[in-house]
N, C-alpha and C. Protein backbone atom coordinates (compact mmCIF):
# COMPACT_ATOMS: atom_id res chain seq x y z
N MET A 1 -1.99 -24.34 0.97
CA MET A 1 -2.83 -23.52 1.81
C MET A 1 -3.74 -22.68 0.92
N THR A 2 -4.97 -22.48 1.33
CA THR A 2 -5.93 -21.71 0.56
C THR A 2 -5.70 -20.22 0.76
N ALA A 3 -5.71 -19.46 -0.35
CA ALA A 3 -5.51 -18.02 -0.27
C ALA A 3 -6.70 -17.36 0.42
N LEU A 4 -6.41 -16.40 1.27
CA LEU A 4 -7.45 -15.64 1.95
C LEU A 4 -7.98 -14.55 1.04
N PRO A 5 -9.22 -14.11 1.26
CA PRO A 5 -9.71 -12.98 0.46
C PRO A 5 -8.90 -11.74 0.81
N ASN A 6 -8.64 -10.91 -0.19
CA ASN A 6 -7.87 -9.71 0.10
C ASN A 6 -8.78 -8.56 0.47
N ILE A 7 -8.23 -7.58 1.14
CA ILE A 7 -8.94 -6.38 1.55
C ILE A 7 -8.38 -5.24 0.72
N GLN A 8 -9.27 -4.44 0.12
CA GLN A 8 -8.84 -3.30 -0.69
C GLN A 8 -9.59 -2.06 -0.23
N TYR A 9 -8.85 -0.95 -0.05
CA TYR A 9 -9.50 0.30 0.32
C TYR A 9 -8.62 1.49 -0.05
N PHE A 10 -9.24 2.68 0.02
CA PHE A 10 -8.55 3.94 -0.26
C PHE A 10 -8.17 4.60 1.06
N LEU A 11 -7.02 5.26 1.10
CA LEU A 11 -6.63 6.05 2.26
C LEU A 11 -6.62 7.54 1.94
N GLY A 12 -6.98 7.89 0.73
CA GLY A 12 -7.02 9.29 0.35
C GLY A 12 -8.06 9.50 -0.73
N ALA A 13 -8.51 10.75 -0.83
CA ALA A 13 -9.50 11.08 -1.86
C ALA A 13 -9.51 12.58 -2.10
N ASN A 14 -9.88 12.95 -3.32
CA ASN A 14 -10.09 14.36 -3.62
C ASN A 14 -11.47 14.73 -3.12
N SER A 15 -11.56 15.89 -2.47
CA SER A 15 -12.84 16.36 -1.95
C SER A 15 -13.04 17.82 -2.38
N PRO A 16 -14.23 18.37 -2.16
CA PRO A 16 -14.45 19.78 -2.52
C PRO A 16 -13.50 20.74 -1.81
N THR A 17 -12.94 20.32 -0.67
CA THR A 17 -12.01 21.19 0.06
C THR A 17 -10.54 20.81 -0.17
N GLY A 18 -10.29 19.92 -1.12
CA GLY A 18 -8.92 19.50 -1.42
C GLY A 18 -8.71 18.03 -1.11
N PHE A 19 -7.45 17.60 -1.16
CA PHE A 19 -7.12 16.20 -0.94
C PHE A 19 -7.25 15.86 0.54
N TYR A 20 -7.93 14.78 0.84
CA TYR A 20 -8.11 14.31 2.21
C TYR A 20 -7.32 13.02 2.35
N SER A 21 -6.45 12.96 3.35
CA SER A 21 -5.55 11.83 3.49
C SER A 21 -5.63 11.20 4.87
N LEU A 22 -5.61 9.88 4.87
CA LEU A 22 -5.50 9.10 6.10
C LEU A 22 -4.22 8.27 6.09
N TYR A 23 -3.25 8.67 5.25
CA TYR A 23 -2.02 7.90 5.12
C TYR A 23 -1.21 7.85 6.40
N ASP A 24 -1.41 8.82 7.29
CA ASP A 24 -0.69 8.77 8.56
C ASP A 24 -1.20 7.63 9.45
N HIS A 25 -2.31 6.99 9.06
CA HIS A 25 -2.85 5.84 9.78
C HIS A 25 -2.48 4.51 9.12
N LEU A 26 -1.66 4.56 8.08
CA LEU A 26 -1.27 3.38 7.31
C LEU A 26 -0.75 2.27 8.22
N LEU A 27 0.33 2.51 8.87
CA LEU A 27 0.93 1.57 9.81
C LEU A 27 1.84 2.42 10.69
N PRO A 28 1.46 2.61 11.95
CA PRO A 28 2.28 3.47 12.82
C PRO A 28 3.74 3.00 12.86
N PRO A 29 4.69 3.89 12.56
CA PRO A 29 6.10 3.50 12.52
C PRO A 29 6.59 2.83 13.81
N GLU A 30 6.06 3.26 14.95
CA GLU A 30 6.50 2.67 16.21
C GLU A 30 6.00 1.23 16.38
N GLU A 31 4.98 0.85 15.61
CA GLU A 31 4.45 -0.52 15.66
C GLU A 31 4.97 -1.39 14.51
N ALA A 32 5.58 -0.74 13.52
CA ALA A 32 6.01 -1.46 12.32
C ALA A 32 7.32 -2.19 12.54
N ARG A 33 7.39 -3.35 11.97
CA ARG A 33 8.66 -4.07 11.91
C ARG A 33 9.51 -3.50 10.78
N ALA A 34 8.83 -3.16 9.65
CA ALA A 34 9.51 -2.55 8.51
C ALA A 34 8.49 -1.85 7.63
N ILE A 35 8.89 -0.69 7.10
CA ILE A 35 8.11 0.01 6.09
C ILE A 35 9.06 0.26 4.93
N TYR A 36 8.77 -0.38 3.81
CA TYR A 36 9.61 -0.26 2.62
C TYR A 36 9.01 0.82 1.72
N ILE A 37 9.81 1.81 1.37
CA ILE A 37 9.35 2.91 0.53
C ILE A 37 9.92 2.71 -0.86
N LEU A 38 9.03 2.55 -1.84
CA LEU A 38 9.43 2.32 -3.22
C LEU A 38 9.38 3.63 -3.99
N LYS A 39 10.46 3.94 -4.69
CA LYS A 39 10.51 5.15 -5.50
C LYS A 39 10.91 4.78 -6.92
N GLY A 40 10.33 5.49 -7.86
CA GLY A 40 10.65 5.26 -9.26
C GLY A 40 9.64 5.94 -10.15
N GLY A 41 9.97 6.07 -11.39
CA GLY A 41 9.11 6.74 -12.35
C GLY A 41 7.86 5.95 -12.66
N PRO A 42 6.90 6.60 -13.33
CA PRO A 42 5.68 5.92 -13.73
C PRO A 42 5.99 4.72 -14.62
N GLY A 43 5.34 3.61 -14.35
CA GLY A 43 5.49 2.43 -15.19
C GLY A 43 6.72 1.59 -14.92
N CYS A 44 7.47 1.90 -13.86
CA CYS A 44 8.70 1.13 -13.60
C CYS A 44 8.45 -0.16 -12.83
N GLY A 45 7.22 -0.36 -12.31
CA GLY A 45 6.90 -1.63 -11.68
C GLY A 45 6.61 -1.59 -10.19
N LYS A 46 6.40 -0.41 -9.61
CA LYS A 46 6.12 -0.34 -8.17
C LYS A 46 4.85 -1.11 -7.81
N SER A 47 3.76 -0.83 -8.52
CA SER A 47 2.49 -1.53 -8.25
C SER A 47 2.61 -3.02 -8.56
N THR A 48 3.30 -3.35 -9.63
CA THR A 48 3.48 -4.76 -9.99
C THR A 48 4.22 -5.51 -8.88
N LEU A 49 5.28 -4.91 -8.36
CA LEU A 49 6.02 -5.52 -7.25
C LEU A 49 5.12 -5.70 -6.04
N MET A 50 4.34 -4.67 -5.70
CA MET A 50 3.45 -4.78 -4.54
C MET A 50 2.40 -5.86 -4.76
N ARG A 51 1.85 -5.94 -5.97
CA ARG A 51 0.85 -6.99 -6.27
C ARG A 51 1.46 -8.39 -6.16
N LYS A 52 2.68 -8.56 -6.64
CA LYS A 52 3.34 -9.88 -6.57
C LYS A 52 3.62 -10.28 -5.12
N ILE A 53 4.07 -9.33 -4.32
CA ILE A 53 4.31 -9.63 -2.90
C ILE A 53 2.99 -9.91 -2.19
N GLY A 54 1.95 -9.14 -2.54
CA GLY A 54 0.63 -9.38 -1.97
C GLY A 54 0.08 -10.75 -2.32
N ALA A 55 0.26 -11.15 -3.58
CA ALA A 55 -0.20 -12.48 -4.02
C ALA A 55 0.55 -13.58 -3.27
N TRP A 56 1.86 -13.40 -3.12
CA TRP A 56 2.66 -14.37 -2.36
C TRP A 56 2.15 -14.46 -0.92
N ALA A 57 1.91 -13.30 -0.30
CA ALA A 57 1.45 -13.28 1.09
C ALA A 57 0.11 -14.00 1.23
N GLN A 58 -0.80 -13.74 0.31
CA GLN A 58 -2.11 -14.40 0.35
C GLN A 58 -1.97 -15.91 0.18
N GLU A 59 -1.13 -16.33 -0.75
CA GLU A 59 -0.93 -17.76 -0.98
C GLU A 59 -0.35 -18.46 0.24
N THR A 60 0.42 -17.74 1.03
CA THR A 60 1.00 -18.33 2.24
C THR A 60 0.07 -18.20 3.44
N GLY A 61 -1.12 -17.59 3.23
CA GLY A 61 -2.10 -17.50 4.30
C GLY A 61 -2.04 -16.25 5.14
N LEU A 62 -1.30 -15.26 4.70
CA LEU A 62 -1.20 -14.01 5.45
C LEU A 62 -2.32 -13.04 5.07
N ASP A 63 -2.84 -12.32 6.06
CA ASP A 63 -3.77 -11.24 5.76
C ASP A 63 -3.04 -10.21 4.92
N THR A 64 -3.71 -9.69 3.90
CA THR A 64 -3.09 -8.74 2.99
C THR A 64 -4.07 -7.61 2.72
N GLU A 65 -3.60 -6.38 2.92
CA GLU A 65 -4.43 -5.20 2.66
C GLU A 65 -3.81 -4.41 1.51
N TYR A 66 -4.62 -4.13 0.50
CA TYR A 66 -4.17 -3.37 -0.66
C TYR A 66 -4.74 -1.96 -0.56
N ILE A 67 -3.87 -0.96 -0.59
CA ILE A 67 -4.29 0.44 -0.57
C ILE A 67 -4.31 0.92 -2.01
N VAL A 68 -5.51 1.13 -2.53
CA VAL A 68 -5.70 1.48 -3.93
C VAL A 68 -5.52 2.98 -4.12
N CYS A 69 -4.90 3.36 -5.23
CA CYS A 69 -4.68 4.77 -5.55
C CYS A 69 -6.01 5.42 -5.92
N SER A 70 -6.37 6.51 -5.26
CA SER A 70 -7.64 7.18 -5.55
C SER A 70 -7.64 7.86 -6.90
N GLY A 71 -6.47 8.21 -7.41
CA GLY A 71 -6.38 8.85 -8.72
C GLY A 71 -6.34 7.85 -9.87
N ASP A 72 -5.93 6.62 -9.59
CA ASP A 72 -5.84 5.56 -10.61
C ASP A 72 -6.10 4.22 -9.92
N PRO A 73 -7.36 3.79 -9.88
CA PRO A 73 -7.70 2.56 -9.16
C PRO A 73 -7.02 1.29 -9.67
N ASP A 74 -6.36 1.36 -10.84
CA ASP A 74 -5.60 0.20 -11.32
C ASP A 74 -4.21 0.16 -10.71
N SER A 75 -3.86 1.19 -9.95
CA SER A 75 -2.53 1.30 -9.35
C SER A 75 -2.65 1.17 -7.83
N LEU A 76 -1.56 0.78 -7.20
CA LEU A 76 -1.54 0.66 -5.74
C LEU A 76 -0.70 1.76 -5.13
N ASP A 77 -1.14 2.26 -3.99
CA ASP A 77 -0.33 3.18 -3.20
C ASP A 77 0.47 2.43 -2.14
N ALA A 78 -0.04 1.27 -1.71
CA ALA A 78 0.66 0.51 -0.67
C ALA A 78 0.02 -0.86 -0.52
N ILE A 79 0.76 -1.75 0.13
CA ILE A 79 0.18 -2.98 0.67
C ILE A 79 0.64 -3.08 2.12
N ILE A 80 -0.22 -3.67 2.92
CA ILE A 80 0.10 -3.87 4.34
C ILE A 80 -0.05 -5.35 4.65
N LEU A 81 0.91 -5.88 5.35
CA LEU A 81 0.87 -7.25 5.85
C LEU A 81 0.78 -7.14 7.37
N PRO A 82 -0.45 -6.99 7.91
CA PRO A 82 -0.61 -6.70 9.33
C PRO A 82 0.01 -7.72 10.27
N THR A 83 -0.07 -8.99 9.93
CA THR A 83 0.48 -10.04 10.79
C THR A 83 1.99 -9.87 10.95
N LEU A 84 2.66 -9.49 9.86
CA LEU A 84 4.11 -9.29 9.89
C LEU A 84 4.49 -7.88 10.34
N ARG A 85 3.49 -6.98 10.42
CA ARG A 85 3.72 -5.56 10.75
C ARG A 85 4.66 -4.93 9.72
N VAL A 86 4.38 -5.20 8.44
CA VAL A 86 5.20 -4.73 7.33
C VAL A 86 4.31 -4.02 6.32
N ALA A 87 4.84 -2.94 5.74
CA ALA A 87 4.14 -2.23 4.66
C ALA A 87 5.12 -1.94 3.54
N LEU A 88 4.60 -1.95 2.33
CA LEU A 88 5.33 -1.47 1.15
C LEU A 88 4.53 -0.29 0.63
N VAL A 89 5.21 0.84 0.42
CA VAL A 89 4.53 2.09 0.11
C VAL A 89 5.15 2.74 -1.11
N ASP A 90 4.30 3.28 -1.99
CA ASP A 90 4.78 4.09 -3.11
C ASP A 90 5.22 5.44 -2.54
N GLY A 91 6.49 5.73 -2.62
CA GLY A 91 7.04 6.95 -2.05
C GLY A 91 7.27 8.07 -3.04
N THR A 92 6.78 7.93 -4.25
CA THR A 92 6.99 8.98 -5.26
C THR A 92 5.86 10.02 -5.16
N ALA A 93 6.14 11.21 -5.66
CA ALA A 93 5.14 12.28 -5.65
C ALA A 93 3.91 11.80 -6.39
N PRO A 94 2.73 12.15 -5.97
CA PRO A 94 2.36 13.07 -4.90
C PRO A 94 2.13 12.40 -3.55
N HIS A 95 2.59 11.19 -3.36
CA HIS A 95 2.30 10.46 -2.13
C HIS A 95 2.91 11.09 -0.89
N GLY A 96 4.00 11.78 -1.05
CA GLY A 96 4.57 12.55 0.05
C GLY A 96 5.20 11.76 1.16
N VAL A 97 5.59 10.53 0.92
CA VAL A 97 6.27 9.75 1.94
C VAL A 97 7.70 10.26 2.07
N VAL A 98 8.09 10.59 3.29
CA VAL A 98 9.42 11.13 3.52
C VAL A 98 10.41 9.99 3.71
N THR A 99 11.57 10.08 3.06
CA THR A 99 12.58 9.04 3.21
C THR A 99 13.76 9.56 3.99
């Protein structure tokens, strides 16, 4: 199966009035089948894991949305698999995901 193009966007940004966040619009919990919250120190592989799962999803033909970190565009804050209603989210500070 041919991989679909991926979608990449930011859900947060620093602004003159402080950090602006749309993370509460990531995937409504009441609509989600699963939201996996990844925690761990810097460099432990959270973004790598999300990228590998995203690549697998694309190869299997699933729509894949990559939420890019506004502070480090080489890092991911989350991936969303809308068809499956599943998200993987970086839950370490400063992301503020409650577990």
